[in-house]
N, C-alpha and C. Protein backbone atom coordinates (compact mmCIF):
# COMPACT_ATOMS: atom_id res chain seq x y z
N UNK A 1 -2.14 -19.78 9.00
CA UNK A 1 -3.54 -19.24 8.30
C UNK A 1 -3.19 -19.84 6.86
N UNK A 2 -1.81 -19.65 6.44
CA UNK A 2 -1.77 -20.02 4.84
C UNK A 2 -2.09 -21.50 4.80
N UNK A 3 -1.53 -22.26 5.54
CA UNK A 3 -1.75 -23.75 5.37
C UNK A 3 -2.88 -24.14 4.94
N UNK A 4 -4.00 -23.65 5.28
CA UNK A 4 -5.39 -23.42 5.44
C UNK A 4 -5.85 -23.59 3.65
N UNK A 5 -4.98 -22.42 2.88
CA UNK A 5 -5.35 -22.44 1.63
C UNK A 5 -4.37 -23.40 0.99
N UNK A 6 -3.31 -23.45 1.37
CA UNK A 6 -1.79 -24.16 0.50
C UNK A 6 -1.34 -24.88 1.39
N UNK A 7 -1.78 -26.16 1.54
CA UNK A 7 -0.85 -27.28 2.16
C UNK A 7 0.35 -26.89 1.77
N UNK A 8 1.59 -27.04 2.96
CA UNK A 8 2.95 -27.44 2.89
C UNK A 8 3.62 -26.19 2.14
N UNK A 9 3.02 -24.85 1.95
CA UNK A 9 3.62 -23.80 1.96
C UNK A 9 4.39 -23.23 2.91
N UNK A 10 5.10 -22.30 2.69
CA UNK A 10 5.80 -21.46 3.59
C UNK A 10 5.21 -20.10 4.01
N UNK A 11 4.70 -19.71 5.24
CA UNK A 11 4.30 -18.55 5.64
C UNK A 11 5.32 -17.45 5.62
N UNK A 12 5.41 -16.35 5.09
CA UNK A 12 6.24 -15.26 5.34
C UNK A 12 5.65 -14.13 6.01
N UNK A 13 5.74 -13.61 7.19
CA UNK A 13 5.19 -12.60 7.77
C UNK A 13 6.47 -11.96 8.33
N UNK A 14 6.30 -10.51 8.33
CA UNK A 14 7.49 -9.75 8.88
C UNK A 14 6.83 -8.66 9.85
N UNK A 15 7.82 -8.19 10.60
CA UNK A 15 7.21 -7.08 11.76
C UNK A 15 7.13 -5.86 10.68
N UNK A 16 6.10 -5.30 10.52
CA UNK A 16 6.07 -4.23 9.63
C UNK A 16 6.30 -2.85 10.46
N UNK A 17 7.04 -2.08 9.78
CA UNK A 17 7.49 -0.85 10.56
C UNK A 17 7.38 0.30 9.56
N UNK A 18 6.55 0.56 8.50
CA UNK A 18 6.54 1.52 7.70
C UNK A 18 7.79 1.98 7.14
N UNK A 19 8.60 1.19 6.80
CA UNK A 19 10.10 1.32 6.09
C UNK A 19 9.73 1.20 4.65
N UNK A 20 10.82 1.19 3.85
CA UNK A 20 11.16 0.86 2.59
C UNK A 20 11.73 -0.41 2.39
N UNK A 21 11.79 -1.26 3.35
CA UNK A 21 12.63 -2.47 3.44
C UNK A 21 11.98 -3.56 2.83
N UNK A 22 12.47 -4.01 1.89
CA UNK A 22 11.75 -5.45 1.08
C UNK A 22 12.95 -6.44 1.00
N UNK A 23 12.45 -7.51 1.54
CA UNK A 23 13.23 -8.76 1.72
C UNK A 23 12.92 -9.93 0.87
N UNK A 24 13.67 -10.95 0.49
CA UNK A 24 13.15 -12.01 -0.27
C UNK A 24 12.71 -13.26 0.71
N UNK A 25 11.15 -13.80 0.14
CA UNK A 25 10.86 -14.59 1.39
C UNK A 25 11.61 -15.84 1.87
N UNK A 26 12.91 -15.94 1.40
CA UNK A 26 13.46 -17.28 1.60
C UNK A 26 14.33 -16.93 3.03
N UNK A 27 14.22 -15.56 3.29
CA UNK A 27 15.04 -15.09 4.44
C UNK A 27 14.13 -15.31 5.72
N UNK A 28 12.87 -15.67 5.67
CA UNK A 28 12.12 -15.90 7.05
C UNK A 28 11.75 -17.52 6.95
N UNK A 29 12.04 -17.78 8.11
CA UNK A 29 11.59 -19.21 8.46
C UNK A 29 10.17 -19.32 9.42
N UNK A 30 9.46 -20.20 9.31
CA UNK A 30 8.19 -19.99 10.27
C UNK A 30 8.51 -19.89 11.43
N UNK A 31 7.87 -18.81 11.94
CA UNK A 31 7.81 -18.32 13.30
C UNK A 31 8.86 -17.23 13.72
N UNK A 32 9.74 -16.90 12.70
CA UNK A 32 10.78 -15.71 12.69
C UNK A 32 10.06 -14.78 11.86
N UNK A 33 10.53 -13.48 12.73
CA UNK A 33 10.08 -12.36 11.83
C UNK A 33 11.34 -11.15 11.74
N UNK A 34 11.27 -10.62 10.86
CA UNK A 34 12.16 -9.64 10.56
C UNK A 34 11.72 -8.21 10.20
N UNK A 35 12.17 -7.29 10.57
CA UNK A 35 11.61 -5.80 10.25
C UNK A 35 11.54 -5.68 8.50
N UNK A 36 10.74 -5.40 8.07
CA UNK A 36 10.46 -5.13 6.60
C UNK A 36 9.05 -4.89 6.29
N UNK A 37 8.88 -4.26 5.16
CA UNK A 37 7.29 -3.89 4.74
C UNK A 37 7.04 -4.48 3.36
N UNK A 38 8.07 -5.38 2.95
CA UNK A 38 7.62 -5.85 1.55
C UNK A 38 8.32 -7.20 1.08
N UNK A 39 7.82 -8.20 0.99
CA UNK A 39 8.50 -9.48 0.31
C UNK A 39 8.49 -9.64 -1.26
N UNK A 40 9.65 -10.38 -1.53
CA UNK A 40 9.45 -10.68 -3.04
C UNK A 40 9.79 -12.20 -2.75
N UNK A 41 8.53 -12.80 -3.49
CA UNK A 41 8.60 -14.13 -3.80
C UNK A 41 9.90 -14.84 -4.56
N UNK A 42 10.95 -15.47 -4.06
CA UNK A 42 12.11 -15.83 -4.75
C UNK A 42 12.15 -17.62 -4.48
N UNK A 43 11.36 -17.98 -4.36
CA UNK A 43 10.99 -19.70 -4.32
C UNK A 43 9.65 -19.61 -4.44
N UNK A 44 9.34 -21.13 -5.18
CA UNK A 44 7.75 -21.68 -5.19
C UNK A 44 7.54 -22.02 -3.87
N UNK A 45 6.19 -22.01 -3.57
CA UNK A 45 5.32 -22.25 -2.34
C UNK A 45 5.65 -21.61 -1.01
N UNK A 46 5.50 -19.98 -1.68
CA UNK A 46 5.80 -19.25 -0.57
C UNK A 46 4.29 -18.50 -0.26
N UNK A 47 3.69 -18.25 0.76
CA UNK A 47 2.79 -17.31 1.11
C UNK A 47 3.23 -15.85 1.70
N UNK A 48 3.15 -15.04 0.94
CA UNK A 48 3.51 -13.34 1.34
C UNK A 48 2.32 -12.73 2.17
N UNK A 49 2.77 -12.85 3.30
CA UNK A 49 1.31 -12.12 4.19
C UNK A 49 1.82 -10.58 4.44
N UNK A 50 0.64 -9.63 4.35
CA UNK A 50 0.70 -8.32 4.82
C UNK A 50 -0.45 -8.15 5.57
N UNK A 51 -0.26 -7.36 6.52
CA UNK A 51 -1.35 -7.17 7.60
C UNK A 51 -1.50 -5.67 7.42
N UNK A 52 -2.67 -5.43 7.57
CA UNK A 52 -3.03 -3.81 7.27
C UNK A 52 -4.59 -3.41 8.15
N UNK A 53 -4.49 -2.05 8.54
CA UNK A 53 -5.84 -1.46 9.28
C UNK A 53 -5.90 -0.17 8.82
N UNK A 54 -5.54 0.16 7.70
CA UNK A 54 -5.84 1.62 6.82
C UNK A 54 -4.80 1.80 5.66
N UNK A 55 -3.59 1.22 6.04
CA UNK A 55 -2.54 1.32 5.19
C UNK A 55 -2.91 0.26 3.63
N UNK A 56 -2.41 0.44 2.48
CA UNK A 56 -2.69 -0.27 1.47
C UNK A 56 -1.63 -1.84 1.45
N UNK A 57 -2.50 -2.96 1.15
CA UNK A 57 -1.60 -3.87 0.66
C UNK A 57 -1.80 -3.96 -0.87
N UNK A 58 -0.23 -3.91 -1.27
CA UNK A 58 -0.32 -3.79 -2.70
C UNK A 58 0.61 -4.95 -3.02
N UNK A 59 -0.19 -5.80 -4.06
CA UNK A 59 0.70 -7.27 -4.66
C UNK A 59 0.92 -6.99 -6.13
N UNK A 60 2.12 -7.37 -6.35
CA UNK A 60 2.64 -7.46 -7.63
C UNK A 60 2.78 -8.87 -8.40
N UNK A 61 2.71 -9.04 -9.42
CA UNK A 61 2.88 -10.29 -10.38
C UNK A 61 3.38 -10.28 -11.48
N UNK A 62 4.32 -10.97 -11.90
CA UNK A 62 4.98 -10.75 -13.42
C UNK A 62 4.35 -12.00 -14.15
N UNK A 63 3.38 -11.84 -14.89
CA UNK A 63 2.81 -12.70 -15.84
C UNK A 63 3.58 -13.45 -16.50
N UNK A 64 4.90 -13.20 -16.98
CA UNK A 64 5.81 -13.95 -17.74
C UNK A 64 6.79 -14.91 -16.93
N UNK A 65 7.35 -14.30 -15.72
CA UNK A 65 8.28 -15.16 -15.10
C UNK A 65 7.33 -15.68 -13.85
N UNK A 66 6.35 -15.32 -13.42
CA UNK A 66 5.47 -15.71 -12.32
C UNK A 66 5.90 -15.29 -11.02
N UNK A 67 6.90 -14.44 -11.23
CA UNK A 67 7.51 -13.93 -9.84
C UNK A 67 6.41 -12.95 -9.24
N UNK A 68 6.33 -12.98 -7.83
CA UNK A 68 5.56 -12.30 -7.25
C UNK A 68 5.68 -11.26 -5.93
N UNK A 69 5.45 -10.41 -5.46
CA UNK A 69 5.90 -9.70 -4.62
C UNK A 69 4.57 -9.06 -3.65
N UNK A 70 4.66 -8.75 -2.35
CA UNK A 70 3.55 -8.04 -1.54
C UNK A 70 4.15 -6.96 -0.52
N UNK A 71 3.63 -5.80 -0.61
CA UNK A 71 3.99 -4.72 -0.16
C UNK A 71 2.70 -4.07 0.95
N UNK A 72 3.40 -3.45 2.13
CA UNK A 72 2.76 -3.02 3.00
C UNK A 72 3.07 -1.49 2.88
N UNK A 73 1.92 -0.66 2.42
CA UNK A 73 2.24 0.85 1.73
C UNK A 73 1.35 1.66 2.34
N UNK A 74 1.81 2.50 3.32
CA UNK A 74 0.64 3.52 3.71
C UNK A 74 1.55 5.12 3.37
N UNK A 75 0.94 6.17 4.48
CA UNK A 75 1.86 7.51 4.01
C UNK A 75 3.56 7.41 3.89
N UNK A 76 3.91 6.57 5.16
CA UNK A 76 5.39 6.65 5.18
C UNK A 76 6.22 5.85 4.13
N UNK A 77 5.71 4.72 3.76
CA UNK A 77 6.06 4.08 2.50
C UNK A 77 5.99 4.62 1.47
N UNK A 78 4.92 5.51 0.93
CA UNK A 78 4.89 6.11 -0.05
C UNK A 78 6.13 7.17 -0.02
N UNK A 79 6.07 7.72 1.11
CA UNK A 79 7.34 8.91 1.10
C UNK A 79 8.98 8.27 1.02
N UNK A 80 8.71 7.17 1.47
CA UNK A 80 10.32 6.62 1.31
C UNK A 80 10.51 5.66 0.12
N UNK A 81 9.75 5.75 -0.69
CA UNK A 81 9.62 5.18 -2.15
C UNK A 81 9.54 3.67 -2.29
N UNK A 82 8.98 3.17 -1.46
CA UNK A 82 9.01 1.44 -1.28
C UNK A 82 8.53 0.92 -2.58
N UNK A 83 7.66 1.48 -3.33
CA UNK A 83 7.33 1.05 -4.61
C UNK A 83 8.37 0.91 -5.68
N UNK A 84 9.23 2.15 -5.78
CA UNK A 84 10.30 2.26 -6.66
C UNK A 84 11.32 1.24 -6.22
N UNK A 85 11.51 1.00 -5.06
CA UNK A 85 12.32 -0.01 -4.71
C UNK A 85 12.02 -1.39 -5.20
N UNK A 86 10.65 -1.84 -5.08
CA UNK A 86 9.91 -3.08 -5.41
C UNK A 86 10.20 -3.29 -7.00
N UNK A 87 10.03 -2.15 -7.77
CA UNK A 87 9.86 -2.18 -9.06
C UNK A 87 11.33 -2.47 -9.48
N UNK A 88 12.23 -1.76 -9.02
CA UNK A 88 13.92 -2.16 -9.16
C UNK A 88 14.31 -3.36 -9.05
N UNK A 89 13.68 -4.03 -8.15
CA UNK A 89 14.12 -5.65 -7.64
C UNK A 89 13.48 -6.30 -8.96
N UNK A 90 12.14 -6.16 -9.23
CA UNK A 90 11.59 -6.93 -10.13
C UNK A 90 12.60 -6.68 -11.72
N UNK A 91 12.75 -5.38 -11.89
CA UNK A 91 14.01 -5.23 -12.86
C UNK A 91 15.41 -5.87 -13.06
N UNK A 92 15.99 -6.11 -11.88
CA UNK A 92 16.93 -6.93 -11.59
C UNK A 92 16.51 -8.23 -12.08
N UNK A 93 15.82 -8.92 -12.05
CA UNK A 93 15.16 -10.14 -12.08
C UNK A 93 14.76 -10.43 -13.40
N UNK A 94 14.69 -9.17 -14.47
CA UNK A 94 14.46 -9.32 -16.10
C UNK A 94 13.18 -9.10 -16.15
N UNK A 95 12.17 -8.54 -15.37
CA UNK A 95 10.79 -8.23 -15.51
C UNK A 95 10.38 -7.11 -16.56
N UNK A 96 9.85 -7.06 -17.23
CA UNK A 96 9.38 -6.08 -18.51
C UNK A 96 8.11 -5.47 -17.51
N UNK A 97 8.15 -4.23 -17.73
CA UNK A 97 7.29 -3.26 -17.02
C UNK A 97 5.82 -3.89 -17.59
N UNK A 98 5.63 -4.18 -18.66
CA UNK A 98 4.23 -4.44 -19.81
C UNK A 98 3.84 -6.01 -19.19
N UNK A 99 4.80 -6.65 -18.56
CA UNK A 99 4.42 -7.61 -17.85
C UNK A 99 3.96 -7.60 -16.21
N UNK A 100 4.10 -6.42 -15.96
CA UNK A 100 3.77 -6.41 -14.02
C UNK A 100 2.51 -6.22 -13.99
N UNK A 101 1.92 -6.95 -13.25
CA UNK A 101 0.29 -6.64 -12.71
C UNK A 101 0.41 -6.17 -11.56
N UNK A 102 -0.52 -5.31 -11.00
CA UNK A 102 -0.42 -4.62 -9.63
C UNK A 102 -1.87 -4.32 -9.09
N UNK A 103 -2.11 -5.12 -7.93
CA UNK A 103 -3.48 -4.60 -7.43
C UNK A 103 -3.08 -4.15 -6.10
N UNK A 104 -3.94 -2.95 -6.12
CA UNK A 104 -3.90 -2.21 -4.59
C UNK A 104 -5.34 -2.43 -3.96
N UNK A 105 -5.17 -3.48 -2.60
CA UNK A 105 -6.35 -3.67 -1.86
C UNK A 105 -7.02 -2.39 -1.22
N UNK A 106 -8.19 -2.97 -0.22
CA UNK A 106 -8.68 -1.95 0.36
C UNK A 106 -7.92 -1.13 1.55
N UNK A 107 -8.25 0.26 1.31
CA UNK A 107 -7.37 0.93 2.51
C UNK A 107 -8.17 2.25 2.41
N UNK A 108 -7.72 3.16 3.79
CA UNK A 108 -8.59 4.53 4.10
C UNK A 108 -8.51 5.04 2.84
N UNK A 109 -9.87 5.71 2.58
CA UNK A 109 -10.26 6.43 1.34
C UNK A 109 -9.90 8.10 1.80
N UNK A 110 -9.66 8.80 0.54
CA UNK A 110 -9.17 10.10 0.70
C UNK A 110 -9.93 11.03 1.75
N UNK A 111 -11.20 10.75 1.76
CA UNK A 111 -12.17 11.77 2.20
C UNK A 111 -12.29 11.30 3.87
N UNK A 112 -11.54 9.99 4.26
CA UNK A 112 -11.93 9.71 5.75
C UNK A 112 -10.15 9.58 6.28
N UNK A 113 -9.19 10.32 5.24
CA UNK A 113 -8.06 10.49 5.86
C UNK A 113 -7.35 11.76 5.81
N UNK A 114 -7.53 12.29 7.15
CA UNK A 114 -7.62 13.89 7.45
C UNK A 114 -6.35 14.11 7.99
N UNK A 115 -5.41 15.04 7.71
CA UNK A 115 -4.04 15.35 8.35
C UNK A 115 -3.86 16.80 8.31
N UNK A 116 -3.04 17.10 9.36
CA UNK A 116 -2.75 18.36 9.38
C UNK A 116 -1.55 18.97 8.47
N UNK A 117 -1.47 20.25 8.19
CA UNK A 117 -1.12 21.06 7.04
C UNK A 117 0.09 20.74 6.54
N UNK A 118 0.87 20.57 7.69
CA UNK A 118 2.42 20.14 7.60
C UNK A 118 2.50 18.88 7.20
N UNK A 119 1.83 17.94 7.82
CA UNK A 119 1.89 16.45 7.23
C UNK A 119 1.69 16.24 5.90
N UNK A 120 0.58 16.97 5.50
CA UNK A 120 0.08 16.90 4.03
C UNK A 120 1.31 17.58 3.02
N UNK A 121 1.56 18.64 3.28
CA UNK A 121 2.71 19.31 2.50
C UNK A 121 3.91 18.56 2.39
N UNK A 122 4.42 18.19 3.58
CA UNK A 122 5.59 17.36 3.64
C UNK A 122 5.45 15.70 2.65
N UNK A 123 4.23 15.27 2.89
CA UNK A 123 3.76 14.15 2.09
C UNK A 123 3.98 14.21 0.66
N UNK A 124 3.43 15.41 -0.04
CA UNK A 124 3.39 15.59 -1.41
C UNK A 124 4.64 15.87 -1.70
N UNK A 125 5.62 16.48 -0.87
CA UNK A 125 6.87 17.20 -1.28
C UNK A 125 7.73 15.87 -1.20
N UNK A 126 7.56 14.50 -0.43
CA UNK A 126 8.57 13.65 -0.38
C UNK A 126 7.71 12.53 -1.42
N UNK A 127 6.55 12.72 -1.47
CA UNK A 127 6.08 11.40 -2.42
C UNK A 127 6.13 11.84 -3.72
N UNK A 128 5.77 12.98 -4.10
CA UNK A 128 5.59 13.38 -5.61
C UNK A 128 6.82 14.37 -5.81
N UNK A 129 7.54 14.88 -4.99
CA UNK A 129 8.57 15.42 -5.48
C UNK A 129 8.54 16.79 -6.02
N UNK A 130 7.45 17.42 -5.32
CA UNK A 130 6.86 18.83 -5.76
C UNK A 130 6.12 19.24 -4.72
N UNK A 131 6.13 20.73 -4.37
CA UNK A 131 5.29 21.43 -3.65
C UNK A 131 3.89 21.66 -4.18
N UNK A 132 3.14 21.56 -3.48
CA UNK A 132 1.54 21.98 -3.72
C UNK A 132 0.81 22.65 -2.68
N UNK A 133 -0.48 23.14 -3.29
CA UNK A 133 -0.95 24.02 -2.48
C UNK A 133 -1.65 23.06 -1.25
N UNK A 134 -1.77 23.74 -0.09
CA UNK A 134 -2.69 22.97 0.76
C UNK A 134 -4.05 23.26 1.03
N UNK A 135 -4.39 24.33 -0.06
CA UNK A 135 -5.78 24.51 0.02
C UNK A 135 -6.49 23.61 -1.14
N UNK A 136 -7.89 23.37 -0.61
CA UNK A 136 -8.61 22.32 -1.35
C UNK A 136 -9.11 23.05 -2.52
N UNK A 137 -9.13 22.61 -3.81
CA UNK A 137 -9.81 23.14 -5.16
C UNK A 137 -11.17 22.81 -4.96
N UNK A 138 -11.88 23.85 -5.78
CA UNK A 138 -13.31 23.96 -6.03
C UNK A 138 -13.91 22.46 -6.51
N UNK A 139 -12.99 21.51 -7.35
CA UNK A 139 -13.61 20.52 -7.47
C UNK A 139 -13.42 19.43 -6.37
N UNK A 140 -12.24 19.61 -5.73
CA UNK A 140 -12.62 18.67 -4.55
C UNK A 140 -13.61 19.13 -3.40
N UNK A 141 -13.99 20.47 -2.95
CA UNK A 141 -14.90 20.65 -2.48
C UNK A 141 -16.44 20.28 -2.89
N UNK A 142 -16.59 20.53 -4.19
CA UNK A 142 -17.57 19.64 -4.73
C UNK A 142 -18.18 18.42 -4.95
N UNK A 143 -16.86 17.52 -4.56
CA UNK A 143 -16.97 16.21 -4.39
C UNK A 143 -16.60 15.29 -2.76
N UNK A 144 -16.73 16.43 -2.14
CA UNK A 144 -16.46 15.99 -0.63
C UNK A 144 -17.74 15.69 -0.08
N UNK A 145 -17.86 14.63 0.67
CA UNK A 145 -19.06 14.28 1.17
C UNK A 145 -18.97 14.44 2.86
N UNK A 146 -18.17 15.28 3.20
CA UNK A 146 -18.29 15.42 4.72
C UNK A 146 -18.14 16.92 5.11
N UNK A 147 -18.16 17.21 6.14
CA UNK A 147 -18.39 18.71 6.54
C UNK A 147 -17.00 19.55 6.45
N UNK A 148 -16.96 20.13 5.33
CA UNK A 148 -15.58 20.77 4.94
C UNK A 148 -15.28 21.77 6.13
N UNK A 149 -16.40 22.81 6.70
CA UNK A 149 -16.11 23.58 7.56
C UNK A 149 -15.43 22.90 9.06
N UNK A 150 -16.04 21.60 9.04
CA UNK A 150 -15.26 21.24 10.28
C UNK A 150 -13.78 20.85 10.21
N UNK A 151 -13.28 20.55 9.18
CA UNK A 151 -11.81 20.24 9.19
C UNK A 151 -11.08 21.28 8.39
N UNK A 152 -11.69 22.54 8.06
CA UNK A 152 -11.37 23.76 7.62
C UNK A 152 -10.73 24.50 8.85
N UNK A 153 -11.47 24.46 10.10
CA UNK A 153 -11.42 25.14 10.91
C UNK A 153 -10.27 24.62 12.07
N UNK A 154 -10.09 23.19 11.66
CA UNK A 154 -9.01 22.45 12.40
C UNK A 154 -7.63 22.59 11.34
N UNK A 155 -7.45 23.37 10.19
CA UNK A 155 -6.62 22.98 9.25
C UNK A 155 -5.87 21.71 9.06
N UNK A 156 -7.11 21.22 8.65
CA UNK A 156 -6.88 19.40 8.38
C UNK A 156 -7.14 19.37 6.86
N UNK A 157 -6.40 18.59 6.06
CA UNK A 157 -6.56 18.32 4.64
C UNK A 157 -6.83 16.53 4.38
N UNK A 158 -7.43 16.48 3.24
CA UNK A 158 -7.36 15.08 2.78
C UNK A 158 -6.32 14.65 2.04
N UNK A 159 -5.86 13.32 2.66
CA UNK A 159 -4.63 12.80 1.79
C UNK A 159 -5.04 11.75 0.87
N UNK A 160 -4.79 11.26 -0.35
CA UNK A 160 -5.13 10.44 -0.89
C UNK A 160 -4.30 9.27 -1.35
N UNK A 161 -3.89 8.47 -0.07
CA UNK A 161 -2.94 7.11 -0.59
C UNK A 161 -3.20 6.39 -1.77
N UNK A 162 -4.11 6.00 -2.26
CA UNK A 162 -4.32 5.43 -3.43
C UNK A 162 -4.10 6.00 -4.77
N UNK A 163 -4.34 7.55 -4.95
CA UNK A 163 -4.19 8.16 -5.75
C UNK A 163 -2.44 8.38 -5.91
N UNK A 164 -1.86 8.56 -5.04
CA UNK A 164 -0.29 8.91 -4.95
C UNK A 164 0.23 7.24 -5.16
N UNK A 165 -0.13 6.25 -4.63
CA UNK A 165 0.21 5.07 -5.06
C UNK A 165 0.29 4.61 -6.60
N UNK A 166 -0.83 5.21 -7.21
CA UNK A 166 -1.21 5.19 -8.65
C UNK A 166 -0.26 5.75 -9.61
N UNK A 167 0.12 7.13 -8.99
CA UNK A 167 0.71 8.13 -9.53
C UNK A 167 2.53 7.32 -9.71
N UNK A 168 2.86 7.11 -8.55
CA UNK A 168 3.96 6.29 -8.30
C UNK A 168 4.51 5.16 -9.29
N UNK A 169 3.39 4.43 -9.40
CA UNK A 169 3.51 3.28 -10.44
C UNK A 169 3.24 3.70 -11.66
N UNK A 170 2.37 4.67 -12.22
CA UNK A 170 2.77 5.30 -13.40
C UNK A 170 4.09 5.68 -13.66
N UNK A 171 4.81 6.46 -12.52
CA UNK A 171 6.09 7.27 -12.91
C UNK A 171 7.21 6.16 -12.99
N UNK A 172 6.73 4.79 -12.77
CA UNK A 172 7.56 3.40 -12.79
C UNK A 172 7.51 2.94 -14.32
N UNK A 173 6.73 3.71 -15.14
CA UNK A 173 6.35 2.96 -16.60
C UNK A 173 5.44 1.93 -16.68
N UNK A 174 4.89 1.60 -15.27
CA UNK A 174 3.68 0.60 -15.20
C UNK A 174 2.57 0.86 -16.18
N UNK A 175 2.13 0.25 -16.93
CA UNK A 175 0.79 0.59 -17.69
C UNK A 175 -0.37 0.59 -16.94
N UNK A 176 -1.05 1.87 -17.19
CA UNK A 176 -2.36 2.08 -16.19
C UNK A 176 -3.38 0.84 -16.43
N UNK A 177 -3.40 0.20 -17.50
CA UNK A 177 -4.30 -1.38 -17.98
C UNK A 177 -3.99 -2.23 -16.89
N UNK A 178 -2.72 -2.22 -16.30
CA UNK A 178 -2.12 -3.22 -15.56
C UNK A 178 -2.16 -3.21 -13.82
N UNK A 179 -2.91 -1.88 -13.77
CA UNK A 179 -3.07 -1.67 -12.28
C UNK A 179 -4.65 -1.73 -11.97
N UNK A 180 -4.76 -2.49 -10.84
CA UNK A 180 -6.31 -2.51 -10.38
C UNK A 180 -6.15 -2.15 -9.07
N UNK A 181 -7.24 -0.97 -8.69
CA UNK A 181 -7.30 -0.29 -7.39
C UNK A 181 -8.79 -0.86 -6.66
N UNK A 182 -8.79 -1.38 -5.60
CA UNK A 182 -9.97 -1.21 -4.85
C UNK A 182 -10.33 -0.08 -4.61
N UNK A 183 -11.84 0.05 -4.47
CA UNK A 183 -12.55 1.41 -3.99
C UNK A 183 -12.91 1.03 -2.66
N UNK A 184 -12.98 0.20 -2.01
CA UNK A 184 -13.20 -0.06 -0.55
C UNK A 184 -12.40 0.53 0.43
N UNK A 185 -13.14 1.42 1.32
CA UNK A 185 -12.46 2.09 2.33
C UNK A 185 -12.51 1.28 3.65
N UNK A 186 -11.47 1.28 4.37
CA UNK A 186 -11.37 0.49 5.72
C UNK A 186 -12.08 1.19 6.65
N UNK A 187 -12.00 2.51 6.50
CA UNK A 187 -12.39 3.49 7.90
C UNK A 187 -14.00 3.39 7.54
N UNK A 188 -14.63 3.54 6.52
CA UNK A 188 -16.14 3.65 6.19
C UNK A 188 -16.73 2.54 6.61
N UNK A 189 -16.02 1.21 6.08
CA UNK A 189 -16.87 0.13 5.89
C UNK A 189 -16.71 -0.79 7.35
N UNK A 190 -17.35 -0.50 8.37
CA UNK A 190 -17.04 -0.79 9.93
C UNK A 190 -17.38 -2.28 9.95
N UNK A 191 -18.37 -3.05 9.42
CA UNK A 191 -18.54 -4.40 9.37
C UNK A 191 -17.66 -5.16 8.75
N UNK A 192 -16.98 -4.61 7.80
CA UNK A 192 -16.12 -5.60 7.04
C UNK A 192 -14.50 -5.54 7.44
N UNK A 193 -14.17 -4.10 7.59
CA UNK A 193 -12.59 -4.11 7.58
C UNK A 193 -12.53 -3.38 9.33
N UNK A 194 -11.03 -3.70 9.57
CA UNK A 194 -10.58 -3.05 10.85
C UNK A 194 -9.95 -1.95 10.30
N UNK A 195 -9.93 -0.73 11.04
CA UNK A 195 -9.23 0.59 10.99
C UNK A 195 -8.78 1.12 12.22
N UNK A 196 -7.63 1.15 11.89
CA UNK A 196 -6.77 2.40 13.22
C UNK A 196 -7.37 3.43 13.19
N UNK A 197 -7.57 4.22 12.43
CA UNK A 197 -7.97 5.74 12.29
C UNK A 197 -9.36 5.97 13.23
N UNK A 198 -10.21 4.60 12.51
CA UNK A 198 -11.44 4.94 12.99
C UNK A 198 -11.69 4.40 14.76
N UNK A 199 -11.08 3.46 15.10
CA UNK A 199 -11.28 3.06 16.51
C UNK A 199 -9.88 2.53 17.27
N UNK A 200 -8.77 2.87 16.63
CA UNK A 200 -7.44 2.49 17.37
C UNK A 200 -7.22 1.15 17.59
N UNK A 201 -7.78 0.34 16.74
CA UNK A 201 -8.01 -1.09 16.89
C UNK A 201 -6.41 -1.84 17.03
N UNK A 202 -6.11 -2.75 17.31
CA UNK A 202 -5.05 -3.60 17.11
C UNK A 202 -5.16 -4.68 16.14
N UNK A 203 -6.57 -5.09 16.15
CA UNK A 203 -7.04 -5.98 14.84
C UNK A 203 -6.59 -5.75 13.65
N UNK A 204 -6.39 -6.71 12.73
CA UNK A 204 -5.93 -6.28 11.18
C UNK A 204 -6.43 -7.27 10.39
N UNK A 205 -6.42 -6.60 9.16
CA UNK A 205 -6.87 -7.69 7.85
C UNK A 205 -5.52 -8.32 7.58
N UNK A 206 -5.88 -9.41 7.19
CA UNK A 206 -4.71 -10.45 6.57
C UNK A 206 -4.73 -10.50 4.94
N UNK A 207 -3.87 -10.39 4.47
CA UNK A 207 -3.63 -10.31 2.90
C UNK A 207 -2.56 -11.27 2.59
N UNK A 208 -2.51 -11.85 1.56
CA UNK A 208 -1.48 -12.48 0.74
C UNK A 208 -1.55 -13.01 -0.49
N UNK A 209 -0.26 -13.24 -1.18
CA UNK A 209 -0.31 -13.78 -2.58
C UNK A 209 0.78 -14.86 -2.39
N UNK A 210 0.47 -15.91 -3.25
CA UNK A 210 1.42 -17.06 -3.32
C UNK A 210 2.26 -17.25 -4.23
N UNK A 211 3.37 -17.74 -3.82
CA UNK A 211 4.37 -17.54 -5.44
C UNK A 211 4.53 -18.90 -5.81
């Protein structure tokens, strides 16, 4: 697929396992896959591919060195601090936080990502290192467009992947003005995106950045 856009580029594709493992693109050869959920472009002419169906594709670019990276990041990736791991790699290559640009692509929205109370509480304990109440605030209720009684009875809670990713990026001292977040929801937009939570499909969105 990548050769359709960039002739003679190397396509880097991993076997995504919801980990915090990030590998340099040069470790992959055409047709080979390694277990990983992130790529760091360490040579020119690399297509770094991420496939998603509710998780976030997150892309990074250093506007000074022109190094790029791509992450497959969902609930488990946030819990395992894959963003922190990647920022550390950029730091080792001399990247300044002020030069690091980040784009978070389409993913499942908060109102469509419902999880049980244990999963909800464990996520925020691991992803943000603090305990939070599992009860919805009045503000959240006022801005919710689904039947709250339906999932309250089932002890379900809304989990906001994009917000948590944004908070982790800010915690790494990346300026908010350097972060762009898509407001498109893979669950809601049935004609545009595949969604595992909506239809248990094995089809995926393919997202990439070129080095």
